[in-house]
Amino acid sequence: MPYSELARRTRSTVLTGLVAVSAMLAGVLLYQSLASSSSSAAGRALGEADGAVPDGVTVFDDEVPAVANLDPDLLGALRQAATDAADEGIEFVVNSGWRSPEYQEQLLRGAVSKYGSEREAARWVTTADTSAHVSGHAVDIGPSDAQAWLSEHGAAYGLCQIYRNEPWHYELRPEAIDHGCPPMYADPSHDPRMQQ
C-alpha cells in the first residue's frame, strides 16, 4: 500500500474516532446538564412563597401567601367567622391554605411514601390539577376547638367541611347559608371533582 493511501486511511480513522468521541462527550455533558437542572428544580426548597404556613398564622395574616392567595370570598367568610368565634375565645389558626402546584405535588409524593400507594394517598392528598388548595378555594383550620366551632356554626357563613376524614378542611359553599352544608364525601377519593 502506498504511503499516501496509508496516511489518508489513518487520517480518516483518526477523524472518525475524534467525531465519535466528541459526540459521546457532548452527549454525556448534555445528560449531566439536564440531570442537574431537573434535580435542582425538583430539589428546590419549597417554603412560605409556595404556601407553607409558619406556626401561629391566622386568617388575618395578609402577608402570608397561604392566606393572601385564598379566594377573596372564602377569605371574607373565614374572617367573619373568626371574628365571631373570637367573641367566644376561639382563634382560627391556618394550618394550610393556598398552595403552589409544586408544593401540592411535594405533599402528594410525601403521602404516597407515607401510605404506600397512590390510591391510599388519594384519600388524603389530591393532585395539583384538582386540588382546591392550589386554586385558593380550600383552607385547613385548627386547632380542634376552632374545628368544632366551624362544624357547628360554619354553614351560617357558607363554610363547609367537605370530607369526613378531614375535620380541618373547609371550603366555601354560599348556598349553605340558606340550605345547610351538602353531605360530606368520605374522603377526597370519593369527590367527583378529583376524578379529572
N, C-alpha and C. Protein backbone atom coordinates (compact mmCIF):
# COMPACT_ATOMS: atom_id res chain seq x y z
N MET A 1 0.86 -1.16 0.00
CA MET A 1 0.00 0.00 0.00
C MET A 1 0.90 1.22 0.00
N PRO A 2 0.65 2.13 -0.92
CA PRO A 2 1.48 3.33 -0.97
C PRO A 2 1.30 4.15 0.31
N TYR A 3 2.36 4.90 0.63
CA TYR A 3 2.39 5.70 1.84
C TYR A 3 1.25 6.71 1.89
N SER A 4 0.92 7.38 0.81
CA SER A 4 -0.13 8.41 0.81
C SER A 4 -1.50 7.80 1.09
N GLU A 5 -1.76 6.59 0.60
CA GLU A 5 -3.04 5.95 0.89
C GLU A 5 -3.11 5.55 2.34
N LEU A 6 -2.03 5.06 2.91
CA LEU A 6 -1.97 4.70 4.32
C LEU A 6 -2.20 5.94 5.19
N ALA A 7 -1.59 7.03 4.83
CA ALA A 7 -1.76 8.27 5.59
C ALA A 7 -3.21 8.76 5.50
N ARG A 8 -3.79 8.63 4.32
CA ARG A 8 -5.18 9.05 4.15
C ARG A 8 -6.10 8.20 5.01
N ARG A 9 -5.91 6.89 5.02
CA ARG A 9 -6.74 5.99 5.83
C ARG A 9 -6.55 6.28 7.32
N THR A 10 -5.33 6.53 7.72
CA THR A 10 -5.06 6.82 9.12
C THR A 10 -5.76 8.11 9.54
N ARG A 11 -5.61 9.14 8.69
CA ARG A 11 -6.29 10.41 8.98
C ARG A 11 -7.80 10.20 9.06
N SER A 12 -8.36 9.44 8.15
CA SER A 12 -9.80 9.18 8.12
C SER A 12 -10.24 8.45 9.38
N THR A 13 -9.47 7.46 9.80
CA THR A 13 -9.80 6.70 11.01
C THR A 13 -9.71 7.60 12.24
N VAL A 14 -8.65 8.41 12.31
CA VAL A 14 -8.48 9.33 13.44
C VAL A 14 -9.63 10.34 13.48
N LEU A 15 -9.98 10.91 12.33
CA LEU A 15 -11.08 11.88 12.28
C LEU A 15 -12.40 11.24 12.70
N THR A 16 -12.67 10.02 12.21
CA THR A 16 -13.89 9.32 12.59
C THR A 16 -13.91 9.08 14.10
N GLY A 17 -12.79 8.67 14.64
CA GLY A 17 -12.69 8.45 16.09
C GLY A 17 -12.91 9.73 16.87
N LEU A 18 -12.31 10.83 16.41
CA LEU A 18 -12.48 12.11 17.09
C LEU A 18 -13.93 12.57 17.06
N VAL A 19 -14.59 12.39 15.92
CA VAL A 19 -16.01 12.76 15.81
C VAL A 19 -16.84 11.92 16.78
N ALA A 20 -16.58 10.62 16.84
CA ALA A 20 -17.33 9.73 17.73
C ALA A 20 -17.10 10.11 19.19
N VAL A 21 -15.85 10.36 19.57
CA VAL A 21 -15.54 10.75 20.95
C VAL A 21 -16.18 12.09 21.27
N SER A 22 -16.13 13.04 20.35
CA SER A 22 -16.74 14.35 20.56
C SER A 22 -18.25 14.23 20.75
N ALA A 23 -18.89 13.41 19.93
CA ALA A 23 -20.33 13.21 20.04
C ALA A 23 -20.68 12.56 21.38
N MET A 24 -19.88 11.57 21.79
CA MET A 24 -20.12 10.91 23.06
C MET A 24 -19.93 11.89 24.22
N LEU A 25 -18.89 12.69 24.17
CA LEU A 25 -18.62 13.67 25.21
C LEU A 25 -19.75 14.71 25.27
N ALA A 26 -20.21 15.16 24.12
CA ALA A 26 -21.31 16.12 24.08
C ALA A 26 -22.57 15.50 24.69
N GLY A 27 -22.83 14.24 24.40
CA GLY A 27 -23.99 13.55 24.96
C GLY A 27 -23.90 13.44 26.48
N VAL A 28 -22.72 13.10 26.98
CA VAL A 28 -22.52 12.99 28.43
C VAL A 28 -22.73 14.35 29.09
N LEU A 29 -22.16 15.39 28.51
CA LEU A 29 -22.32 16.73 29.08
C LEU A 29 -23.78 17.19 29.05
N LEU A 30 -24.48 16.90 27.96
CA LEU A 30 -25.89 17.25 27.87
C LEU A 30 -26.69 16.50 28.93
N TYR A 31 -26.44 15.21 29.09
CA TYR A 31 -27.14 14.41 30.10
C TYR A 31 -26.90 14.97 31.49
N GLN A 32 -25.64 15.28 31.82
CA GLN A 32 -25.33 15.82 33.14
C GLN A 32 -26.01 17.16 33.35
N SER A 33 -26.05 17.98 32.33
CA SER A 33 -26.70 19.28 32.43
C SER A 33 -28.19 19.13 32.69
N LEU A 34 -28.85 18.24 31.95
CA LEU A 34 -30.28 18.02 32.14
C LEU A 34 -30.56 17.40 33.49
N ALA A 35 -29.76 16.43 33.91
CA ALA A 35 -29.96 15.80 35.21
C ALA A 35 -29.78 16.80 36.33
N SER A 36 -28.79 17.66 36.19
CA SER A 36 -28.52 18.67 37.20
C SER A 36 -29.66 19.67 37.29
N SER A 37 -30.16 20.14 36.15
CA SER A 37 -31.23 21.15 36.20
C SER A 37 -32.53 20.54 36.69
N SER A 38 -32.84 19.30 36.33
CA SER A 38 -34.09 18.71 36.79
C SER A 38 -34.02 18.38 38.27
N SER A 39 -32.86 17.93 38.76
CA SER A 39 -32.78 17.62 40.18
C SER A 39 -32.77 18.89 41.01
N SER A 40 -32.20 19.97 40.48
CA SER A 40 -32.22 21.21 41.26
C SER A 40 -33.63 21.79 41.30
N ALA A 41 -34.41 21.64 40.23
CA ALA A 41 -35.79 22.11 40.26
C ALA A 41 -36.62 21.24 41.19
N ALA A 42 -36.42 19.92 41.11
CA ALA A 42 -37.18 19.02 41.97
C ALA A 42 -36.73 19.15 43.42
N GLY A 43 -35.46 19.47 43.63
CA GLY A 43 -34.94 19.55 44.97
C GLY A 43 -35.01 20.95 45.56
N ARG A 44 -35.58 21.88 44.82
CA ARG A 44 -35.70 23.26 45.30
C ARG A 44 -36.48 23.26 46.61
N ALA A 45 -35.97 23.95 47.58
CA ALA A 45 -36.65 24.04 48.86
C ALA A 45 -37.94 24.84 48.68
N LEU A 46 -39.04 24.23 49.04
CA LEU A 46 -40.32 24.91 48.95
C LEU A 46 -40.62 25.53 50.30
N GLY A 47 -41.06 26.75 50.29
CA GLY A 47 -41.29 27.44 51.55
C GLY A 47 -42.55 28.27 51.55
N GLU A 48 -42.51 29.32 52.33
CA GLU A 48 -43.67 30.17 52.53
C GLU A 48 -44.24 30.72 51.22
N ALA A 49 -43.38 31.05 50.27
CA ALA A 49 -43.84 31.57 48.98
C ALA A 49 -44.66 30.54 48.20
N ASP A 50 -44.47 29.25 48.52
CA ASP A 50 -45.21 28.17 47.87
C ASP A 50 -46.46 27.76 48.64
N GLY A 51 -46.67 28.37 49.81
CA GLY A 51 -47.86 28.06 50.59
C GLY A 51 -47.59 27.37 51.91
N ALA A 52 -46.33 27.09 52.23
CA ALA A 52 -46.03 26.56 53.56
C ALA A 52 -46.43 27.62 54.59
N VAL A 53 -46.99 27.17 55.70
CA VAL A 53 -47.53 28.10 56.69
C VAL A 53 -46.71 28.04 57.98
N PRO A 54 -46.14 29.17 58.39
CA PRO A 54 -45.45 29.20 59.68
C PRO A 54 -46.45 28.99 60.83
N ASP A 55 -45.95 28.61 61.97
CA ASP A 55 -46.82 28.42 63.14
C ASP A 55 -47.52 29.71 63.52
N GLY A 56 -48.76 29.58 63.97
CA GLY A 56 -49.49 30.70 64.53
C GLY A 56 -50.13 31.66 63.55
N VAL A 57 -50.19 31.32 62.28
CA VAL A 57 -50.79 32.20 61.27
C VAL A 57 -52.32 32.15 61.41
N THR A 58 -52.94 33.32 61.35
CA THR A 58 -54.40 33.39 61.41
C THR A 58 -54.95 33.83 60.06
N VAL A 59 -56.26 33.85 59.96
CA VAL A 59 -56.91 34.24 58.71
C VAL A 59 -56.75 35.74 58.43
N PHE A 60 -56.15 36.47 59.36
CA PHE A 60 -55.95 37.91 59.20
C PHE A 60 -54.53 38.26 58.76
N ASP A 61 -53.67 37.27 58.57
CA ASP A 61 -52.27 37.50 58.22
C ASP A 61 -52.09 37.61 56.71
N ASP A 62 -52.35 38.81 56.19
CA ASP A 62 -52.30 39.05 54.75
C ASP A 62 -50.91 38.92 54.14
N GLU A 63 -49.86 39.02 54.93
CA GLU A 63 -48.51 38.95 54.38
C GLU A 63 -48.07 37.51 54.10
N VAL A 64 -48.85 36.54 54.53
CA VAL A 64 -48.51 35.13 54.31
C VAL A 64 -49.22 34.66 53.04
N PRO A 65 -48.48 34.21 52.02
CA PRO A 65 -49.10 33.82 50.75
C PRO A 65 -50.22 32.78 50.88
N ALA A 66 -50.10 31.85 51.83
CA ALA A 66 -51.14 30.83 52.01
C ALA A 66 -52.48 31.46 52.37
N VAL A 67 -52.45 32.63 52.99
CA VAL A 67 -53.67 33.37 53.34
C VAL A 67 -54.00 34.38 52.23
N ALA A 68 -53.01 35.15 51.83
CA ALA A 68 -53.23 36.23 50.85
C ALA A 68 -53.75 35.71 49.51
N ASN A 69 -53.40 34.48 49.14
CA ASN A 69 -53.80 33.93 47.84
C ASN A 69 -55.08 33.11 47.90
N LEU A 70 -55.77 33.13 49.04
CA LEU A 70 -57.06 32.45 49.11
C LEU A 70 -58.09 33.23 48.29
N ASP A 71 -59.09 32.53 47.81
CA ASP A 71 -60.20 33.16 47.12
C ASP A 71 -60.77 34.26 48.02
N PRO A 72 -60.98 35.47 47.51
CA PRO A 72 -61.45 36.58 48.35
C PRO A 72 -62.77 36.30 49.07
N ASP A 73 -63.69 35.59 48.42
CA ASP A 73 -64.97 35.28 49.08
C ASP A 73 -64.77 34.30 50.23
N LEU A 74 -63.92 33.29 50.02
CA LEU A 74 -63.61 32.34 51.08
C LEU A 74 -62.94 33.08 52.24
N LEU A 75 -61.98 33.92 51.94
CA LEU A 75 -61.26 34.64 52.98
C LEU A 75 -62.20 35.57 53.75
N GLY A 76 -63.10 36.23 53.06
CA GLY A 76 -64.06 37.10 53.74
C GLY A 76 -64.95 36.33 54.70
N ALA A 77 -65.44 35.18 54.26
CA ALA A 77 -66.29 34.34 55.13
C ALA A 77 -65.49 33.84 56.33
N LEU A 78 -64.25 33.43 56.09
CA LEU A 78 -63.39 32.96 57.19
C LEU A 78 -63.16 34.06 58.21
N ARG A 79 -62.90 35.27 57.74
CA ARG A 79 -62.63 36.38 58.65
C ARG A 79 -63.86 36.75 59.47
N GLN A 80 -65.02 36.71 58.85
CA GLN A 80 -66.25 36.99 59.61
C GLN A 80 -66.48 35.92 60.66
N ALA A 81 -66.32 34.66 60.28
CA ALA A 81 -66.49 33.56 61.24
C ALA A 81 -65.46 33.65 62.35
N ALA A 82 -64.21 33.95 62.00
CA ALA A 82 -63.15 34.04 63.01
C ALA A 82 -63.41 35.18 63.98
N THR A 83 -63.94 36.29 63.48
CA THR A 83 -64.27 37.43 64.34
C THR A 83 -65.35 37.03 65.34
N ASP A 84 -66.38 36.33 64.86
CA ASP A 84 -67.46 35.90 65.74
C ASP A 84 -66.99 34.82 66.72
N ALA A 85 -66.14 33.92 66.26
CA ALA A 85 -65.62 32.87 67.15
C ALA A 85 -64.73 33.47 68.24
N ALA A 86 -64.01 34.54 67.89
CA ALA A 86 -63.13 35.19 68.87
C ALA A 86 -63.93 35.73 70.06
N ASP A 87 -65.19 36.10 69.83
CA ASP A 87 -66.05 36.55 70.92
C ASP A 87 -66.28 35.45 71.95
N GLU A 88 -66.08 34.20 71.53
CA GLU A 88 -66.21 33.05 72.42
C GLU A 88 -64.85 32.52 72.86
N GLY A 89 -63.79 33.29 72.56
CA GLY A 89 -62.44 32.91 72.98
C GLY A 89 -61.78 31.88 72.08
N ILE A 90 -62.27 31.74 70.86
CA ILE A 90 -61.73 30.74 69.93
C ILE A 90 -60.98 31.45 68.82
N GLU A 91 -59.76 31.00 68.56
CA GLU A 91 -58.93 31.57 67.50
C GLU A 91 -58.79 30.58 66.35
N PHE A 92 -58.97 31.06 65.13
CA PHE A 92 -58.76 30.24 63.94
C PHE A 92 -57.29 30.34 63.54
N VAL A 93 -56.62 29.21 63.48
CA VAL A 93 -55.24 29.14 63.01
C VAL A 93 -55.25 28.46 61.65
N VAL A 94 -54.55 29.05 60.70
CA VAL A 94 -54.46 28.47 59.36
C VAL A 94 -53.31 27.47 59.34
N ASN A 95 -53.65 26.20 59.18
CA ASN A 95 -52.62 25.16 59.06
C ASN A 95 -52.18 24.98 57.62
N SER A 96 -53.09 25.28 56.70
CA SER A 96 -52.79 25.25 55.28
C SER A 96 -53.86 26.04 54.55
N GLY A 97 -53.45 26.72 53.50
CA GLY A 97 -54.41 27.49 52.70
C GLY A 97 -54.06 27.29 51.25
N TRP A 98 -53.82 28.42 50.55
CA TRP A 98 -53.37 28.32 49.17
C TRP A 98 -52.03 27.61 49.12
N ARG A 99 -51.83 26.80 48.06
CA ARG A 99 -50.55 26.11 47.83
C ARG A 99 -50.16 26.24 46.37
N SER A 100 -48.87 26.34 46.12
CA SER A 100 -48.39 26.30 44.73
C SER A 100 -48.55 24.88 44.21
N PRO A 101 -48.63 24.71 42.89
CA PRO A 101 -48.68 23.35 42.33
C PRO A 101 -47.49 22.51 42.76
N GLU A 102 -46.30 23.12 42.85
CA GLU A 102 -45.10 22.37 43.25
C GLU A 102 -45.22 21.87 44.68
N TYR A 103 -45.74 22.71 45.56
CA TYR A 103 -45.92 22.32 46.96
C TYR A 103 -46.95 21.20 47.06
N GLN A 104 -48.04 21.31 46.30
CA GLN A 104 -49.07 20.28 46.31
C GLN A 104 -48.50 18.94 45.85
N GLU A 105 -47.71 18.97 44.78
CA GLU A 105 -47.10 17.73 44.28
C GLU A 105 -46.12 17.15 45.30
N GLN A 106 -45.39 18.02 46.01
CA GLN A 106 -44.49 17.54 47.06
C GLN A 106 -45.29 16.86 48.17
N LEU A 107 -46.42 17.44 48.55
CA LEU A 107 -47.27 16.82 49.57
C LEU A 107 -47.81 15.48 49.08
N LEU A 108 -48.18 15.41 47.81
CA LEU A 108 -48.68 14.16 47.25
C LEU A 108 -47.59 13.08 47.26
N ARG A 109 -46.38 13.44 46.84
CA ARG A 109 -45.27 12.47 46.88
C ARG A 109 -45.03 11.98 48.31
N GLY A 110 -45.11 12.89 49.27
CA GLY A 110 -44.94 12.51 50.67
C GLY A 110 -46.03 11.56 51.14
N ALA A 111 -47.26 11.81 50.69
CA ALA A 111 -48.38 10.94 51.07
C ALA A 111 -48.23 9.56 50.44
N VAL A 112 -47.78 9.49 49.20
CA VAL A 112 -47.55 8.19 48.55
C VAL A 112 -46.49 7.43 49.33
N SER A 113 -45.45 8.11 49.73
CA SER A 113 -44.39 7.47 50.51
C SER A 113 -44.92 7.01 51.86
N LYS A 114 -45.72 7.83 52.50
CA LYS A 114 -46.26 7.50 53.83
C LYS A 114 -47.27 6.37 53.78
N TYR A 115 -48.19 6.41 52.82
CA TYR A 115 -49.29 5.45 52.76
C TYR A 115 -49.02 4.26 51.86
N GLY A 116 -47.94 4.30 51.09
CA GLY A 116 -47.52 3.14 50.32
C GLY A 116 -48.10 2.99 48.93
N SER A 117 -49.06 3.83 48.56
CA SER A 117 -49.63 3.73 47.21
C SER A 117 -50.32 5.04 46.85
N GLU A 118 -50.45 5.27 45.55
CA GLU A 118 -51.17 6.46 45.08
C GLU A 118 -52.64 6.38 45.47
N ARG A 119 -53.19 5.18 45.42
CA ARG A 119 -54.61 5.00 45.75
C ARG A 119 -54.90 5.40 47.19
N GLU A 120 -54.08 4.94 48.11
CA GLU A 120 -54.28 5.27 49.52
C GLU A 120 -53.97 6.75 49.78
N ALA A 121 -52.93 7.27 49.14
CA ALA A 121 -52.58 8.68 49.30
C ALA A 121 -53.71 9.59 48.82
N ALA A 122 -54.45 9.15 47.80
CA ALA A 122 -55.55 9.95 47.25
C ALA A 122 -56.68 10.18 48.25
N ARG A 123 -56.69 9.40 49.33
CA ARG A 123 -57.69 9.62 50.38
C ARG A 123 -57.37 10.87 51.20
N TRP A 124 -56.13 11.35 51.07
CA TRP A 124 -55.67 12.46 51.90
C TRP A 124 -55.15 13.66 51.12
N VAL A 125 -54.55 13.42 49.97
CA VAL A 125 -53.92 14.49 49.20
C VAL A 125 -54.28 14.32 47.73
N THR A 126 -54.68 15.42 47.09
CA THR A 126 -55.04 15.36 45.67
C THR A 126 -53.89 15.89 44.81
N THR A 127 -54.04 15.74 43.53
CA THR A 127 -53.03 16.25 42.60
C THR A 127 -53.13 17.77 42.51
N ALA A 128 -52.10 18.37 42.00
CA ALA A 128 -52.10 19.83 41.82
C ALA A 128 -53.19 20.26 40.84
N ASP A 129 -53.52 19.40 39.89
CA ASP A 129 -54.54 19.74 38.89
C ASP A 129 -55.95 19.80 39.48
N THR A 130 -56.19 19.06 40.56
CA THR A 130 -57.53 19.00 41.12
C THR A 130 -57.66 19.65 42.50
N SER A 131 -56.57 19.99 43.12
CA SER A 131 -56.59 20.49 44.50
C SER A 131 -57.30 21.84 44.64
N ALA A 132 -58.24 21.89 45.58
CA ALA A 132 -58.89 23.16 45.90
C ALA A 132 -57.93 24.10 46.62
N HIS A 133 -56.87 23.56 47.21
CA HIS A 133 -55.85 24.41 47.83
C HIS A 133 -55.08 25.18 46.76
N VAL A 134 -54.73 24.52 45.67
CA VAL A 134 -53.96 25.18 44.61
C VAL A 134 -54.76 26.32 43.99
N SER A 135 -56.05 26.16 43.87
CA SER A 135 -56.89 27.22 43.30
C SER A 135 -57.26 28.28 44.33
N GLY A 136 -56.90 28.05 45.60
CA GLY A 136 -57.21 29.02 46.65
C GLY A 136 -58.62 28.88 47.20
N HIS A 137 -59.26 27.75 46.96
CA HIS A 137 -60.65 27.55 47.38
C HIS A 137 -60.80 26.63 48.58
N ALA A 138 -59.70 26.34 49.29
CA ALA A 138 -59.78 25.49 50.48
C ALA A 138 -58.80 25.98 51.52
N VAL A 139 -59.17 25.72 52.77
CA VAL A 139 -58.31 26.10 53.89
C VAL A 139 -58.41 25.00 54.95
N ASP A 140 -57.30 24.74 55.62
CA ASP A 140 -57.27 23.80 56.73
C ASP A 140 -57.12 24.63 58.00
N ILE A 141 -58.11 24.51 58.89
CA ILE A 141 -58.19 25.32 60.10
C ILE A 141 -57.94 24.47 61.34
N GLY A 142 -57.28 25.04 62.30
CA GLY A 142 -57.06 24.42 63.59
C GLY A 142 -57.16 25.51 64.64
N PRO A 143 -57.00 25.20 65.88
CA PRO A 143 -56.93 23.87 66.48
C PRO A 143 -58.31 23.22 66.57
N SER A 144 -58.41 22.16 67.35
CA SER A 144 -59.65 21.37 67.38
C SER A 144 -60.85 22.18 67.86
N ASP A 145 -60.66 23.15 68.77
CA ASP A 145 -61.82 23.94 69.20
C ASP A 145 -62.34 24.82 68.07
N ALA A 146 -61.46 25.30 67.21
CA ALA A 146 -61.89 26.07 66.03
C ALA A 146 -62.62 25.16 65.05
N GLN A 147 -62.13 23.93 64.89
CA GLN A 147 -62.80 22.97 64.01
C GLN A 147 -64.19 22.65 64.54
N ALA A 148 -64.30 22.46 65.85
CA ALA A 148 -65.60 22.16 66.46
C ALA A 148 -66.56 23.35 66.28
N TRP A 149 -66.03 24.56 66.44
CA TRP A 149 -66.86 25.75 66.26
C TRP A 149 -67.36 25.84 64.83
N LEU A 150 -66.46 25.63 63.87
CA LEU A 150 -66.86 25.67 62.46
C LEU A 150 -67.85 24.55 62.12
N SER A 151 -67.66 23.39 62.71
CA SER A 151 -68.58 22.28 62.47
C SER A 151 -70.00 22.66 62.89
N GLU A 152 -70.09 23.40 63.98
CA GLU A 152 -71.41 23.81 64.50
C GLU A 152 -71.95 25.06 63.80
N HIS A 153 -71.10 26.03 63.52
CA HIS A 153 -71.56 27.34 63.04
C HIS A 153 -71.15 27.68 61.59
N GLY A 154 -70.29 26.90 60.99
CA GLY A 154 -69.72 27.24 59.69
C GLY A 154 -70.74 27.47 58.59
N ALA A 155 -71.81 26.68 58.57
CA ALA A 155 -72.81 26.81 57.50
C ALA A 155 -73.41 28.21 57.45
N ALA A 156 -73.52 28.87 58.59
CA ALA A 156 -74.08 30.23 58.64
C ALA A 156 -73.21 31.22 57.87
N TYR A 157 -71.96 30.85 57.63
CA TYR A 157 -71.02 31.69 56.89
C TYR A 157 -70.73 31.13 55.49
N GLY A 158 -71.37 30.00 55.18
CA GLY A 158 -71.11 29.33 53.91
C GLY A 158 -69.85 28.47 53.96
N LEU A 159 -69.35 28.20 55.15
CA LEU A 159 -68.12 27.41 55.31
C LEU A 159 -68.48 25.98 55.67
N CYS A 160 -68.07 25.05 54.82
CA CYS A 160 -68.47 23.65 54.99
C CYS A 160 -67.26 22.73 55.02
N GLN A 161 -67.34 21.76 55.94
CA GLN A 161 -66.37 20.66 55.94
C GLN A 161 -66.76 19.78 54.76
N ILE A 162 -65.81 19.45 53.92
CA ILE A 162 -66.10 18.74 52.69
C ILE A 162 -65.88 17.23 52.83
N TYR A 163 -64.88 16.84 53.63
CA TYR A 163 -64.51 15.43 53.75
C TYR A 163 -64.64 14.97 55.20
N ARG A 164 -65.30 13.82 55.40
CA ARG A 164 -65.46 13.28 56.76
C ARG A 164 -64.12 12.99 57.43
N ASN A 165 -63.12 12.57 56.64
CA ASN A 165 -61.83 12.22 57.23
C ASN A 165 -60.93 13.44 57.48
N GLU A 166 -61.40 14.63 57.14
CA GLU A 166 -60.59 15.84 57.32
C GLU A 166 -61.42 16.93 58.02
N PRO A 167 -61.52 16.86 59.35
CA PRO A 167 -62.34 17.85 60.08
C PRO A 167 -61.76 19.27 60.02
N TRP A 168 -60.59 19.41 59.49
CA TRP A 168 -59.91 20.72 59.39
C TRP A 168 -60.13 21.39 58.03
N HIS A 169 -60.58 20.65 57.02
CA HIS A 169 -60.65 21.13 55.63
C HIS A 169 -62.01 21.79 55.37
N TYR A 170 -61.97 23.09 55.05
CA TYR A 170 -63.20 23.84 54.78
C TYR A 170 -63.13 24.53 53.43
N GLU A 171 -64.29 24.56 52.77
CA GLU A 171 -64.44 25.26 51.51
C GLU A 171 -65.70 26.11 51.59
N LEU A 172 -65.78 27.10 50.73
CA LEU A 172 -66.94 27.99 50.71
C LEU A 172 -68.06 27.38 49.87
N ARG A 173 -69.23 27.29 50.47
CA ARG A 173 -70.45 26.87 49.80
C ARG A 173 -71.52 27.89 50.16
N PRO A 174 -71.63 28.99 49.40
CA PRO A 174 -72.55 30.08 49.77
C PRO A 174 -74.00 29.63 49.97
N GLU A 175 -74.43 28.61 49.24
CA GLU A 175 -75.80 28.11 49.39
C GLU A 175 -76.05 27.51 50.76
N ALA A 176 -74.98 27.17 51.49
CA ALA A 176 -75.12 26.59 52.83
C ALA A 176 -75.75 27.58 53.80
N ILE A 177 -75.62 28.86 53.55
CA ILE A 177 -76.19 29.88 54.43
C ILE A 177 -77.70 29.68 54.54
N ASP A 178 -78.35 29.34 53.44
CA ASP A 178 -79.80 29.13 53.44
C ASP A 178 -80.21 27.66 53.53
N HIS A 179 -79.36 26.76 53.04
CA HIS A 179 -79.78 25.36 52.92
C HIS A 179 -78.93 24.38 53.72
N GLY A 180 -77.94 24.85 54.42
CA GLY A 180 -77.05 23.96 55.16
C GLY A 180 -75.99 23.38 54.23
N CYS A 181 -74.98 22.83 54.84
CA CYS A 181 -73.87 22.26 54.06
C CYS A 181 -74.30 20.98 53.35
N PRO A 182 -73.74 20.73 52.18
CA PRO A 182 -74.06 19.49 51.47
C PRO A 182 -73.47 18.30 52.22
N PRO A 183 -73.96 17.09 51.91
CA PRO A 183 -73.37 15.90 52.55
C PRO A 183 -71.87 15.83 52.25
N MET A 184 -71.13 15.36 53.24
CA MET A 184 -69.68 15.25 53.07
C MET A 184 -69.33 14.00 52.27
N TYR A 185 -68.21 14.09 51.57
CA TYR A 185 -67.62 12.91 50.94
C TYR A 185 -66.81 12.19 52.02
N ALA A 186 -66.68 10.88 51.88
CA ALA A 186 -65.88 10.12 52.84
C ALA A 186 -64.45 10.65 52.89
N ASP A 187 -63.90 10.93 51.74
CA ASP A 187 -62.54 11.46 51.61
C ASP A 187 -62.39 11.98 50.19
N PRO A 188 -61.25 12.63 49.87
CA PRO A 188 -61.10 13.20 48.52
C PRO A 188 -61.25 12.20 47.38
N SER A 189 -60.95 10.93 47.63
CA SER A 189 -61.05 9.95 46.54
C SER A 189 -62.50 9.70 46.12
N HIS A 190 -63.46 10.12 46.94
CA HIS A 190 -64.88 9.98 46.61
C HIS A 190 -65.48 11.26 46.02
N ASP A 191 -64.70 12.31 45.93
CA ASP A 191 -65.16 13.61 45.43
C ASP A 191 -65.06 13.61 43.90
N PRO A 192 -66.18 13.75 43.19
CA PRO A 192 -66.13 13.71 41.72
C PRO A 192 -65.24 14.80 41.11
N ARG A 193 -65.04 15.90 41.81
CA ARG A 193 -64.16 16.95 41.29
C ARG A 193 -62.72 16.47 41.18
N MET A 194 -62.37 15.46 41.94
CA MET A 194 -60.99 14.96 41.95
C MET A 194 -60.75 13.90 40.88
N GLN A 195 -61.78 13.55 40.13
CA GLN A 195 -61.67 12.47 39.14
C GLN A 195 -61.28 12.97 37.76
N GLN A 196 -60.80 14.19 37.64
CA GLN A 196 -60.45 14.75 36.33
C GLN A 196 -59.30 14.02 35.71
